[in-house]
Protein backbone atom coordinates (compact mmCIF):
# COMPACT_ATOMS: atom_id res chain seq x y z
CA MET A 1 84.88 187.58 105.96
CA ILE A 2 82.63 187.05 103.26
CA ILE A 3 85.60 185.38 100.82
CA PHE A 4 86.89 182.63 103.78
CA PHE A 5 83.65 181.97 104.87
CA LYS A 6 83.25 181.06 100.63
CA ASN A 7 86.49 179.09 101.11
CA LYS A 8 85.71 176.72 103.65
CA ILE A 9 82.74 175.94 102.44
CA ILE A 10 84.02 174.62 99.26
CA ILE A 11 86.90 173.14 101.18
CA ILE A 12 84.42 171.00 102.88
CA LYS A 13 82.13 170.30 99.41
CA SER A 14 84.95 169.08 98.03
CA ILE A 15 85.98 166.46 100.97
CA PHE A 16 82.37 165.20 100.19
CA ILE A 17 82.71 164.89 97.10
CA ILE A 18 85.99 162.94 97.29
CA ILE A 19 84.55 160.87 100.16
CA LYS A 20 81.71 159.75 97.58
CA ILE A 21 84.50 159.11 94.95
CA ILE A 22 86.29 157.14 97.32
CA ILE A 23 82.74 155.22 98.21
CA ASN A 24 81.64 154.35 95.20
CA LYS A 25 85.21 153.12 93.43
CA SER A 26 85.49 150.94 96.67
CA ILE A 27 82.47 149.47 95.95
CA GLN A 28 83.01 148.96 91.98
CA MET A 29 85.94 147.24 92.81
CA SER A 30 84.96 145.26 95.31
CA THR A 31 87.17 142.32 94.38
CA ILE A 32 90.57 143.90 95.90
CA THR A 33 90.08 143.23 99.28
CA GLY A 34 93.05 142.68 101.73
CA PRO A 35 95.55 145.20 103.69
CA GLU A 36 96.75 147.15 100.40
CA ALA A 37 93.29 148.34 99.54
CA PHE A 38 93.08 149.16 102.81
CA PHE A 39 96.08 151.15 103.08
CA GLY A 40 95.73 152.20 99.54
CA TYR A 41 92.21 154.08 100.42
CA MET A 42 93.76 155.72 103.88
CA GLY A 43 96.75 156.93 101.34
CA VAL A 44 94.19 158.28 99.21
CA SER A 45 92.08 159.54 102.43
CA PHE A 46 95.39 161.41 104.54
CA ALA A 47 96.13 163.03 100.46
CA LEU A 48 93.17 164.78 100.95
CA ILE A 49 92.39 165.14 104.40
CA PHE A 50 96.27 166.90 105.07
CA ALA A 51 95.87 168.88 102.02
CA ASN A 52 92.34 170.73 103.28
CA LEU A 53 93.67 170.90 107.06
CA GLY A 54 96.86 172.41 105.57
CA ALA A 55 95.04 174.81 103.31
CA ALA A 56 92.50 175.74 106.47
CA TYR A 57 95.45 176.72 108.62
CA GLY A 58 96.95 178.66 105.35
CA THR A 59 93.93 180.78 105.23
CA CYS A 60 93.83 181.43 109.23
CA LYS A 61 96.98 182.79 109.01
CA SER A 62 96.51 184.78 106.05
CA GLY A 63 93.75 186.06 107.43
CA VAL A 64 95.04 186.99 110.39
CA GLY A 65 97.92 188.54 108.12
CA ILE A 66 95.24 190.69 106.30
CA SER A 67 93.07 191.63 109.33
CA SER A 68 96.75 193.32 110.93
CA ILE A 69 97.81 195.04 107.33
CA GLY A 70 94.53 196.48 107.11
CA VAL A 71 95.29 197.74 110.66
CA LEU A 72 98.81 198.95 109.62
CA LYS A 73 98.83 199.89 106.08
CA PRO A 74 95.35 199.98 104.39
CA GLU A 75 97.20 200.86 100.89
CA LEU A 76 98.66 196.78 100.98
CA ILE A 77 95.63 194.78 101.78
CA MET A 78 95.20 193.65 97.65
CA LYS A 79 98.59 192.93 97.61
CA SER A 80 98.02 190.77 100.90
CA ILE A 81 95.09 188.35 99.52
CA ILE A 82 97.79 186.47 97.34
CA PRO A 83 98.96 184.14 100.39
CA VAL A 84 94.79 183.12 100.18
CA VAL A 85 94.69 182.59 96.68
CA MET A 86 98.28 179.82 97.30
CA ALA A 87 96.25 178.15 100.31
CA GLY A 88 93.06 177.53 97.68
CA ILE A 89 95.09 176.33 95.99
CA LEU A 90 96.97 174.19 97.51
CA GLY A 91 93.53 172.57 99.15
CA ILE A 92 92.31 172.00 95.40
CA TYR A 93 95.72 170.43 94.36
CA GLY A 94 94.76 167.93 97.13
CA MET A 95 91.61 167.18 95.79
CA ILE A 96 93.49 166.45 92.42
CA VAL A 97 95.84 163.95 93.82
CA ALA A 98 93.49 162.38 95.53
CA VAL A 99 91.31 161.82 92.65
CA ILE A 100 94.40 160.74 90.60
CA LEU A 101 94.97 158.24 93.07
CA THR A 102 91.45 157.11 93.90
CA GLN A 103 91.21 156.63 89.61
CA LYS A 104 94.90 154.47 89.58
CA SER A 105 94.31 151.85 92.08
CA ILE A 106 94.34 148.52 90.82
CA ILE A 107 95.84 145.73 90.82
CA PHE A 108 97.56 143.78 88.66
CA ASN A 109 97.58 139.85 89.27
């Protein structure tokens, strides 16, 4: 149970870090205005949000599976932790994509 709780805290912290980076980046690049800046940063936000929602959903579903397999076959609990790790990797992947997109968001005149 503590593993799931820590995973959710890490995901929430990563969301706040990315939002902070996006806000700082938009302040630094204040010359970018118009709909292209809005849709660009909204795309970055959606990439982060949906990746972390998918990671949270995957963690939830695999947690239910670990609980049920712990009752039926306790010797397989360690093998069933792999989906939890993969769900966490999905959240980290979303954070990396958001950072890369934010760093590369410039306007070519």
